[in-house]
PDB file of N, CA and C in Angstrom:
ATOM      1  N   UNK A   1       1.554  -0.502  -9.526  1.00  0.00           N
ATOM      2  CA  UNK A   1       0.576  -0.551  -8.944  1.00  0.00           C
ATOM      3  C   UNK A   1       0.180   1.331  -8.926  1.00  0.00           C
ATOM      4  N   UNK A   2      -1.357   0.927  -9.382  1.00  0.00           N
ATOM      5  CA  UNK A   2      -2.438   2.134  -9.531  1.00  0.00           C
ATOM      6  C   UNK A   2      -3.071   2.286  -8.500  1.00  0.00           C
ATOM      7  N   UNK A   3      -3.164   3.528  -8.217  1.00  0.00           N
ATOM      8  CA  UNK A   3      -4.132   3.904  -6.936  1.00  0.00           C
ATOM      9  C   UNK A   3      -3.969   4.837  -6.858  1.00  0.00           C
ATOM     10  N   UNK A   4      -4.971   5.624  -5.324  1.00  0.00           N
ATOM     11  CA  UNK A   4      -5.332   6.857  -4.757  1.00  0.00           C
ATOM     12  C   UNK A   4      -3.842   7.246  -3.512  1.00  0.00           C
ATOM     13  N   UNK A   5      -3.199   7.589  -3.044  1.00  0.00           N
ATOM     14  CA  UNK A   5      -2.488   7.580  -2.586  1.00  0.00           C
ATOM     15  C   UNK A   5      -3.320   9.003  -1.180  1.00  0.00           C
ATOM     16  N   UNK A   6      -3.183   8.187   0.225  1.00  0.00           N
ATOM     17  CA  UNK A   6      -3.922   8.687   1.044  1.00  0.00           C
ATOM     18  C   UNK A   6      -3.290   8.286   2.594  1.00  0.00           C
ATOM     19  N   UNK A   7      -3.423   9.181   3.326  1.00  0.00           N
ATOM     20  CA  UNK A   7      -1.880   9.200   4.650  1.00  0.00           C
ATOM     21  C   UNK A   7      -3.714   8.915   5.986  1.00  0.00           C
ATOM     22  N   UNK A   8      -3.357   8.061   6.835  1.00  0.00           N
ATOM     23  CA  UNK A   8      -4.289   7.826   7.660  1.00  0.00           C
ATOM     24  C   UNK A   8      -3.678   8.742   9.035  1.00  0.00           C
ATOM     25  N   UNK A   9      -4.420   9.267  10.479  1.00  0.00           N
ATOM     26  CA  UNK A   9      -4.085   9.623  11.318  1.00  0.00           C
ATOM     27  C   UNK A   9      -2.689   9.214  12.140  1.00  0.00           C
ATOM     28  N   UNK A  10      -2.500   7.776  11.467  1.00  0.00           N
ATOM     29  CA  UNK A  10      -0.971   7.672  12.239  1.00  0.00           C
ATOM     30  C   UNK A  10      -0.005   8.366  11.460  1.00  0.00           C
ATOM     31  N   UNK A  11      -0.296   8.573  10.200  1.00  0.00           N
ATOM     32  CA  UNK A  11       0.868   9.214   9.346  1.00  0.00           C
ATOM     33  C   UNK A  11       1.272   7.858   8.344  1.00  0.00           C
ATOM     34  N   UNK A  12       0.468   7.227   7.923  1.00  0.00           N
ATOM     35  CA  UNK A  12       0.768   6.590   7.882  1.00  0.00           C
ATOM     36  C   UNK A  12       1.006   6.238   5.862  1.00  0.00           C
ATOM     37  N   UNK A  13       1.576   5.935   5.522  1.00  0.00           N
ATOM     38  CA  UNK A  13       0.512   6.124   4.140  1.00  0.00           C
ATOM     39  C   UNK A  13       0.314   4.707   3.122  1.00  0.00           C
ATOM     40  N   UNK A  14      -1.395   4.793   2.644  1.00  0.00           N
ATOM     41  CA  UNK A  14      -1.737   4.081   1.856  1.00  0.00           C
ATOM     42  C   UNK A  14      -1.911   4.234   0.261  1.00  0.00           C
ATOM     43  N   UNK A  15      -2.205   3.064  -0.262  1.00  0.00           N
ATOM     44  CA  UNK A  15      -2.419   2.859  -1.744  1.00  0.00           C
ATOM     45  C   UNK A  15      -3.836   2.695  -1.883  1.00  0.00           C
ATOM     46  N   UNK A  16      -4.898   3.215  -2.197  1.00  0.00           N
ATOM     47  CA  UNK A  16      -6.336   3.008  -2.669  1.00  0.00           C
ATOM     48  C   UNK A  16      -6.452   2.862  -3.589  1.00  0.00           C
ATOM     49  N   UNK A  17      -6.911   1.482  -4.320  1.00  0.00           N
ATOM     50  CA  UNK A  17      -6.966   1.242  -5.765  1.00  0.00           C
ATOM     51  C   UNK A  17      -8.963   1.200  -6.250  1.00  0.00           C
ATOM     52  N   UNK A  18      -8.622   2.029  -7.488  1.00  0.00           N
ATOM     53  CA  UNK A  18     -10.333   2.119  -8.010  1.00  0.00           C
ATOM     54  C   UNK A  18     -11.194   0.730  -7.294  1.00  0.00           C
ATOM     55  N   UNK A  19     -10.800  -0.457  -6.725  1.00  0.00           N
ATOM     56  CA  UNK A  19     -11.839  -1.475  -6.273  1.00  0.00           C
ATOM     57  C   UNK A  19     -11.659  -0.888  -4.948  1.00  0.00           C
ATOM     58  N   UNK A  20     -11.261  -0.103  -4.355  1.00  0.00           N
ATOM     59  CA  UNK A  20     -10.137  -0.010  -2.688  1.00  0.00           C
ATOM     60  C   UNK A  20      -9.953  -0.629  -2.068  1.00  0.00           C
ATOM     61  N   UNK A  21      -9.094  -1.911  -2.394  1.00  0.00           N
ATOM     62  CA  UNK A  21      -7.903  -2.078  -1.632  1.00  0.00           C
ATOM     63  C   UNK A  21      -7.485  -1.396  -1.148  1.00  0.00           C
ATOM     64  N   UNK A  22      -6.722  -1.508  -0.178  1.00  0.00           N
ATOM     65  CA  UNK A  22      -5.551  -0.582   0.476  1.00  0.00           C
ATOM     66  C   UNK A  22      -4.194  -1.387   1.096  1.00  0.00           C
ATOM     67  N   UNK A  23      -3.151  -0.679   0.315  1.00  0.00           N
ATOM     68  CA  UNK A  23      -1.775  -1.082   0.531  1.00  0.00           C
ATOM     69  C   UNK A  23      -0.923  -0.509   1.222  1.00  0.00           C
ATOM     70  N   UNK A  24      -0.466  -0.731   2.160  1.00  0.00           N
ATOM     71  CA  UNK A  24       0.592  -0.009   2.937  1.00  0.00           C
ATOM     72  C   UNK A  24       1.583   0.039   2.273  1.00  0.00           C
ATOM     73  N   UNK A  25       2.414   1.638   1.960  1.00  0.00           N
ATOM     74  CA  UNK A  25       3.158   1.802   1.825  1.00  0.00           C
ATOM     75  C   UNK A  25       4.766   1.711   2.230  1.00  0.00           C
ATOM     76  N   UNK A  26       5.940   1.726   1.652  1.00  0.00           N
ATOM     77  CA  UNK A  26       6.858   2.581   2.534  1.00  0.00           C
ATOM     78  C   UNK A  26       7.651   2.631   1.332  1.00  0.00           C
ATOM     79  N   UNK A  27       8.028   4.192   1.577  1.00  0.00           N
ATOM     80  CA  UNK A  27       9.305   4.962   0.140  1.00  0.00           C
ATOM     81  C   UNK A  27       9.849   5.149   1.110  1.00  0.00           C
ATOM     82  N   UNK A  28      11.513   5.797   0.400  1.00  0.00           N
ATOM     83  CA  UNK A  28      12.691   6.272   1.150  1.00  0.00           C
ATOM     84  C   UNK A  28      11.522   8.143   0.737  1.00  0.00           C
ATOM     85  N   UNK A  29      11.200   7.646  -0.827  1.00  0.00           N
ATOM     86  CA  UNK A  29      10.943   8.858  -0.546  1.00  0.00           C
ATOM     87  C   UNK A  29       9.774   9.954   0.280  1.00  0.00           C
ATOM     88  N   UNK A  30       9.464  10.679   0.802  1.00  0.00           N
ATOM     89  CA  UNK A  30       8.544  11.088   0.798  1.00  0.00           C
ATOM     90  C   UNK A  30       7.081  11.490   0.865  1.00  0.00           C
ATOM     91  N   UNK A  31       6.121  10.959   0.913  1.00  0.00           N
ATOM     92  CA  UNK A  31       5.134  10.893   0.078  1.00  0.00           C
ATOM     93  C   UNK A  31       4.117  11.556   0.508  1.00  0.00           C
ATOM     94  N   UNK A  32       4.388  12.562   1.825  1.00  0.00           N
ATOM     95  CA  UNK A  32       3.413  13.649   1.476  1.00  0.00           C
ATOM     96  C   UNK A  32       2.763  14.027   0.517  1.00  0.00           C
ATOM     97  N   UNK A  33       4.308  15.546  -0.162  1.00  0.00           N
ATOM     98  CA  UNK A  33       3.211  15.705  -1.437  1.00  0.00           C
ATOM     99  C   UNK A  33       2.218  14.908  -2.157  1.00  0.00           C
ATOM    100  N   UNK A  34       2.340  13.693  -2.218  1.00  0.00           N
ATOM    101  CA  UNK A  34       1.690  13.198  -3.356  1.00  0.00           C
ATOM    102  C   UNK A  34       0.076  12.241  -2.904  1.00  0.00           C
ATOM    103  N   UNK A  35      -0.178  12.888  -1.510  1.00  0.00           N
ATOM    104  CA  UNK A  35      -1.434  12.443  -1.082  1.00  0.00           C
ATOM    105  C   UNK A  35      -2.419  13.311  -2.132  1.00  0.00           C
ATOM    106  N   UNK A  36      -3.633  12.456  -2.773  1.00  0.00           N
ATOM    107  CA  UNK A  36      -4.699  13.246  -2.595  1.00  0.00           C
ATOM    108  C   UNK A  36      -4.357  13.001  -4.433  1.00  0.00           C
ATOM    109  N   UNK A  37      -3.206  12.671  -4.970  1.00  0.00           N
ATOM    110  CA  UNK A  37      -3.374  12.440  -6.113  1.00  0.00           C
ATOM    111  C   UNK A  37      -3.307  10.477  -6.844  1.00  0.00           C
ATOM    112  N   UNK A  38      -3.482  10.485  -7.586  1.00  0.00           N
ATOM    113  CA  UNK A  38      -3.889   9.651  -8.318  1.00  0.00           C
ATOM    114  C   UNK A  38      -2.076   8.906  -9.326  1.00  0.00           C
ATOM    115  N   UNK A  39      -1.821   8.100  -8.270  1.00  0.00           N
ATOM    116  CA  UNK A  39      -0.426   7.678  -9.063  1.00  0.00           C
ATOM    117  C   UNK A  39      -0.087   6.448  -9.956  1.00  0.00           C
ATOM    118  N   UNK A  40       0.697   5.948 -10.009  1.00  0.00           N
ATOM    119  CA  UNK A  40       1.499   4.258 -10.266  1.00  0.00           C
ATOM    120  C   UNK A  40       2.845   4.106  -9.478  1.00  0.00           C
ATOM    121  N   UNK A  41       2.629   2.971  -8.701  1.00  0.00           N
ATOM    122  CA  UNK A  41       3.708   2.840  -8.399  1.00  0.00           C
ATOM    123  C   UNK A  41       4.450   1.434  -8.628  1.00  0.00           C
ATOM    124  N   UNK A  42       6.445   2.076  -8.765  1.00  0.00           N
ATOM    125  CA  UNK A  42       7.008   1.189  -8.832  1.00  0.00           C
ATOM    126  C   UNK A  42       7.333   0.320  -7.824  1.00  0.00           C
ATOM    127  N   UNK A  43       7.640  -1.440  -7.217  1.00  0.00           N
ATOM    128  CA  UNK A  43       8.396  -1.764  -6.664  1.00  0.00           C
ATOM    129  C   UNK A  43       7.878  -2.942  -6.295  1.00  0.00           C
ATOM    130  N   UNK A  44       8.235  -4.045  -4.668  1.00  0.00           N
ATOM    131  CA  UNK A  44       7.683  -4.896  -5.102  1.00  0.00           C
ATOM    132  C   UNK A  44       7.020  -4.926  -3.213  1.00  0.00           C
ATOM    133  N   UNK A  45       6.265  -5.794  -3.496  1.00  0.00           N
ATOM    134  CA  UNK A  45       5.435  -6.162  -2.085  1.00  0.00           C
ATOM    135  C   UNK A  45       6.412  -6.770  -0.884  1.00  0.00           C
ATOM    136  N   UNK A  46       6.910  -6.527   0.089  1.00  0.00           N
ATOM    137  CA  UNK A  46       7.640  -6.794   1.606  1.00  0.00           C
ATOM    138  C   UNK A  46       6.710  -7.793   2.282  1.00  0.00           C
ATOM    139  N   UNK A  47       6.893  -8.586   3.046  1.00  0.00           N
ATOM    140  CA  UNK A  47       6.136  -8.844   4.239  1.00  0.00           C
ATOM    141  C   UNK A  47       6.646  -7.949   5.620  1.00  0.00           C
ATOM    142  N   UNK A  48       5.477  -7.690   5.833  1.00  0.00           N
ATOM    143  CA  UNK A  48       6.030  -7.126   7.834  1.00  0.00           C
ATOM    144  C   UNK A  48       5.648  -8.037   9.014  1.00  0.00           C
ATOM    145  N   UNK A  49       6.328  -7.652  10.198  1.00  0.00           N
ATOM    146  CA  UNK A  49       6.183  -8.945  11.067  1.00  0.00           C
ATOM    147  C   UNK A  49       5.481  -7.662  12.501  1.00  0.00           C
ATOM    148  N   UNK A  50       4.701  -8.040  13.262  1.00  0.00           N
ATOM    149  CA  UNK A  50       4.218  -6.552  14.134  1.00  0.00           C
ATOM    150  C   UNK A  50       5.649  -7.035  14.979  1.00  0.00           C
ATOM    151  N   UNK A  51       5.835  -7.680  15.236  1.00  0.00           N
ATOM    152  CA  UNK A  51       7.431  -7.523  16.590  1.00  0.00           C
ATOM    153  C   UNK A  51       8.554  -6.789  15.949  1.00  0.00           C
ATOM    154  N   UNK A  52       8.483  -6.624  14.825  1.00  0.00           N
ATOM    155  CA  UNK A  52       9.626  -5.641  14.212  1.00  0.00           C
ATOM    156  C   UNK A  52       9.729  -6.247  12.720  1.00  0.00           C
ATOM    157  N   UNK A  53      10.923  -6.261  12.026  1.00  0.00           N
ATOM    158  CA  UNK A  53      11.237  -6.626  10.889  1.00  0.00           C
ATOM    159  C   UNK A  53      12.247  -7.546  10.471  1.00  0.00           C
ATOM    160  N   UNK A  54      12.205  -8.307  11.503  1.00  0.00           N
ATOM    161  CA  UNK A  54      12.978  -9.568  10.404  1.00  0.00           C
ATOM    162  C   UNK A  54      12.854 -10.552  10.013  1.00  0.00           C
ATOM    163  N   UNK A  55      13.299 -10.925   9.383  1.00  0.00           N
ATOM    164  CA  UNK A  55      13.479 -11.889   7.667  1.00  0.00           C
ATOM    165  C   UNK A  55      13.715 -12.980   7.929  1.00  0.00           C
ATOM    166  N   UNK A  56      13.817 -13.211   9.562  1.00  0.00           N
ATOM    167  CA  UNK A  56      13.551 -14.686   9.444  1.00  0.00           C
ATOM    168  C   UNK A  56      12.936 -14.930  10.506  1.00  0.00           C
ATOM    169  N   UNK A  57      11.606 -14.500  10.992  1.00  0.00           N
ATOM    170  CA  UNK A  57      10.208 -14.568  11.775  1.00  0.00           C
ATOM    171  C   UNK A  57       9.986 -15.930  10.710  1.00  0.00           C
ATOM    172  N   UNK A  58       9.046 -17.072  11.208  1.00  0.00           N
ATOM    173  CA  UNK A  58       8.275 -18.198  11.177  1.00  0.00           C
ATOM    174  C   UNK A  58       7.315 -17.635  10.919  1.00  0.00           C
ATOM    175  N   UNK A  59       7.321 -18.438   9.818  1.00  0.00           N
ATOM    176  CA  UNK A  59       5.604 -18.319   8.991  1.00  0.00           C
ATOM    177  C   UNK A  59       4.197 -18.426   9.303  1.00  0.00           C
ATOM    178  N   UNK A  60       3.584 -16.927   9.388  1.00  0.00           N
ATOM    179  CA  UNK A  60       2.593 -17.211  10.636  1.00  0.00           C
ATOM    180  C   UNK A  60       1.542 -18.407  10.158  1.00  0.00           C
ATOM    181  N   UNK A  61       1.721 -19.265   8.543  1.00  0.00           N
ATOM    182  CA  UNK A  61       0.734 -19.686   8.319  1.00  0.00           C
ATOM    183  C   UNK A  61       1.399 -21.712   8.416  1.00  0.00           C
ATOM    184  N   UNK A  62       0.744 -22.202   9.220  1.00  0.00           N
ATOM    185  CA  UNK A  62       1.308 -23.411   9.587  1.00  0.00           C
ATOM    186  C   UNK A  62       1.004 -24.484   9.049  1.00  0.00           C
ATOM    187  N   UNK A  63       1.314 -26.081   8.879  1.00  0.00           N
ATOM    188  CA  UNK A  63       1.428 -27.007   7.402  1.00  0.00           C
ATOM    189  C   UNK A  63      -0.445 -27.058   7.257  1.00  0.00           C
ATOM    190  N   UNK A  64      -1.507 -26.494   8.432  1.00  0.00           N
ATOM    191  CA  UNK A  64      -2.208 -27.621   8.968  1.00  0.00           C
ATOM    192  C   UNK A  64      -2.916 -26.212   8.107  1.00  0.00           C
ATOM    193  N   UNK A  65      -2.157 -24.862   7.572  1.00  0.00           N
ATOM    194  CA  UNK A  65      -3.165 -24.057   6.548  1.00  0.00           C
ATOM    195  C   UNK A  65      -3.910 -23.150   7.341  1.00  0.00           C
ATOM    196  N   UNK A  66      -3.512 -23.209   8.710  1.00  0.00           N
ATOM    197  CA  UNK A  66      -4.407 -22.913   9.708  1.00  0.00           C
ATOM    198  C   UNK A  66      -3.882 -21.554  10.196  1.00  0.00           C
ATOM    199  N   UNK A  67      -4.284 -20.690  10.691  1.00  0.00           N
ATOM    200  CA  UNK A  67      -3.163 -19.383  10.686  1.00  0.00           C
ATOM    201  C   UNK A  67      -3.424 -17.888  10.599  1.00  0.00           C
ATOM    202  N   UNK A  68      -3.152 -17.209   9.811  1.00  0.00           N
ATOM    203  CA  UNK A  68      -3.048 -15.896   9.497  1.00  0.00           C
ATOM    204  C   UNK A  68      -3.711 -16.627   8.169  1.00  0.00           C
ATOM    205  N   UNK A  69      -3.996 -15.987   7.709  1.00  0.00           N
ATOM    206  CA  UNK A  69      -4.199 -15.900   6.212  1.00  0.00           C
ATOM    207  C   UNK A  69      -3.864 -15.153   5.168  1.00  0.00           C
ATOM    208  N   UNK A  70      -3.901 -14.326   5.462  1.00  0.00           N
ATOM    209  CA  UNK A  70      -3.091 -13.021   4.334  1.00  0.00           C
ATOM    210  C   UNK A  70      -2.218 -11.833   5.962  1.00  0.00           C
ATOM    211  N   UNK A  71      -0.641 -12.526   5.310  1.00  0.00           N
ATOM    212  CA  UNK A  71      -0.045 -11.991   6.175  1.00  0.00           C
ATOM    213  C   UNK A  71       0.253 -10.662   6.210  1.00  0.00           C
ATOM    214  N   UNK A  72       0.581  -9.374   7.104  1.00  0.00           N
ATOM    215  CA  UNK A  72       0.949  -7.996   6.741  1.00  0.00           C
ATOM    216  C   UNK A  72       1.581  -8.034   5.479  1.00  0.00           C
ATOM    217  N   UNK A  73       1.248  -7.383   4.682  1.00  0.00           N
ATOM    218  CA  UNK A  73       1.910  -6.848   3.777  1.00  0.00           C
ATOM    219  C   UNK A  73       1.951  -5.168   3.046  1.00  0.00           C
ATOM    220  N   UNK A  74       3.393  -5.125   3.135  1.00  0.00           N
ATOM    221  CA  UNK A  74       3.282  -3.304   2.514  1.00  0.00           C
ATOM    222  C   UNK A  74       3.904  -3.355   1.339  1.00  0.00           C
ATOM    223  N   UNK A  75       3.671  -2.618   0.225  1.00  0.00           N
ATOM    224  CA  UNK A  75       4.205  -1.927  -1.085  1.00  0.00           C
ATOM    225  C   UNK A  75       5.744  -1.009  -0.962  1.00  0.00           C
ATOM    226  N   UNK A  76       6.592  -1.752  -1.331  1.00  0.00           N
ATOM    227  CA  UNK A  76       7.917  -1.034  -0.999  1.00  0.00           C
ATOM    228  C   UNK A  76       7.804  -0.124  -2.128  1.00  0.00           C
ATOM    229  N   UNK A  77       8.547   0.674  -2.104  1.00  0.00           N
ATOM    230  CA  UNK A  77       8.093   2.111  -3.392  1.00  0.00           C
ATOM    231  C   UNK A  77       9.339   2.025  -3.552  1.00  0.00           C
ATOM    232  N   UNK A  78       9.941   1.983  -5.153  1.00  0.00           N
ATOM    233  CA  UNK A  78      10.896   2.135  -5.774  1.00  0.00           C
ATOM    234  C   UNK A  78      10.524   3.811  -6.478  1.00  0.00           C
ATOM    235  N   UNK A  79       9.439   3.619  -7.419  1.00  0.00           N
ATOM    236  CA  UNK A  79       9.275   4.908  -8.838  1.00  0.00           C
ATOM    237  C   UNK A  79       7.857   4.949  -8.200  1.00  0.00           C
ATOM    238  N   UNK A  80       8.026   6.167  -8.159  1.00  0.00           N
ATOM    239  CA  UNK A  80       6.170   7.229  -8.446  1.00  0.00           C
ATOM    240  C   UNK A  80       6.318   8.136  -9.421  1.00  0.00           C
ATOM    241  N   UNK A  81       5.402   7.742 -10.140  1.00  0.00           N
ATOM    242  CA  UNK A  81       4.646   8.057 -11.628  1.00  0.00           C
ATOM    243  C   UNK A  81       3.202   8.867 -11.349  1.00  0.00           C
ATOM    244  N   UNK A  82       3.291  10.073 -10.917  1.00  0.00           N
ATOM    245  CA  UNK A  82       1.365  11.031 -11.329  1.00  0.00           C
ATOM    246  C   UNK A  82       0.974  10.959 -12.094  1.00  0.00           C
ATOM    247  N   UNK A  83       0.495  10.021 -11.780  1.00  0.00           N
ATOM    248  CA  UNK A  83      -0.973  10.382 -13.220  1.00  0.00           C
ATOM    249  C   UNK A  83      -1.705  11.331 -13.101  1.00  0.00           C
ATOM    250  N   UNK A  84      -2.069  11.884 -12.180  1.00  0.00           N
ATOM    251  CA  UNK A  84      -3.517  12.829 -11.812  1.00  0.00           C
ATOM    252  C   UNK A  84      -2.786  13.625 -10.862  1.00  0.00           C
ATOM    253  N   UNK A  85      -3.279  14.701 -10.655  1.00  0.00           N
ATOM    254  CA  UNK A  85      -2.825  15.715  -9.405  1.00  0.00           C
ATOM    255  C   UNK A  85      -4.200  15.302  -8.674  1.00  0.00           C
ATOM    256  N   UNK A  86      -5.420  14.931  -9.046  1.00  0.00           N
ATOM    257  CA  UNK A  86      -6.240  14.332  -7.969  1.00  0.00           C
ATOM    258  C   UNK A  86      -6.748  13.072  -8.435  1.00  0.00           C
ATOM    259  N   UNK A  87      -7.172  12.419  -6.985  1.00  0.00           N
ATOM    260  CA  UNK A  87      -8.226  11.132  -7.698  1.00  0.00           C
ATOM    261  C   UNK A  87      -9.684  11.398  -7.764  1.00  0.00           C
ATOM    262  N   UNK A  88      -9.617  10.470  -8.926  1.00  0.00           N
ATOM    263  CA  UNK A  88     -10.942  10.012  -9.060  1.00  0.00           C
ATOM    264  C   UNK A  88     -12.198   9.639  -8.099  1.00  0.00           C
ATOM    265  N   UNK A  89     -13.130  10.778  -8.077  1.00  0.00           N
ATOM    266  CA  UNK A  89     -14.313   9.856  -7.021  1.00  0.00           C
ATOM    267  C   UNK A  89     -15.107   8.516  -7.733  1.00  0.00           C
ATOM    268  N   UNK A  90     -15.765   7.951  -7.171  1.00  0.00           N
ATOM    269  CA  UNK A  90     -16.793   6.658  -7.555  1.00  0.00           C
ATOM    270  C   UNK A  90     -17.725   7.037  -8.469  1.00  0.00           C
ATOM    271  N   UNK A  91     -18.487   8.455  -8.042  1.00  0.00           N
ATOM    272  CA  UNK A  91     -19.407   9.147  -8.760  1.00  0.00           C
ATOM    273  C   UNK A  91     -18.870  10.134 -10.015  1.00  0.00           C
ATOM    274  N   UNK A  92     -17.564  11.151  -9.685  1.00  0.00           N
ATOM    275  CA  UNK A  92     -17.082  11.245 -11.669  1.00  0.00           C
ATOM    276  C   UNK A  92     -17.285  10.149 -12.453  1.00  0.00           C
ATOM    277  N   UNK A  93     -16.561   8.770 -11.983  1.00  0.00           N
ATOM    278  CA  UNK A  93     -16.358   7.971 -13.106  1.00  0.00           C
ATOM    279  C   UNK A  93     -17.968   7.118 -13.281  1.00  0.00           C
ATOM    280  N   UNK A  94     -18.901   7.795 -12.996  1.00  0.00           N
ATOM    281  CA  UNK A  94     -20.328   6.917 -13.352  1.00  0.00           C
ATOM    282  C   UNK A  94     -20.795   8.411 -14.568  1.00  0.00           C
ATOM    283  N   UNK A  95     -19.945   9.006 -14.701  1.00  0.00           N
ATOM    284  CA  UNK A  95     -20.674   9.956 -15.704  1.00  0.00           C
ATOM    285  C   UNK A  95     -20.160   9.512 -17.037  1.00  0.00           C
TER     286      UNK A  95
END
């Protein structure tokens, strides 16, 4: 995945794609130095649960298809490659 690393007020890190979608990042490496950088993150999506990290929790989508349409997911980062020291802004891309 490629995008810009941002940090919210709660200290959580997210990868924001050029289309504006946000994905929460889970990394062993300190993501602080990468805030504001354009990066390529390698890893895998993992499901998260509000009550904890139990992998045996039941699905939030029932057989009827009702419930949470998109469960909370985050991206577990295994490797970060810096593509640019700064994130491109939408106005800079239009030039």
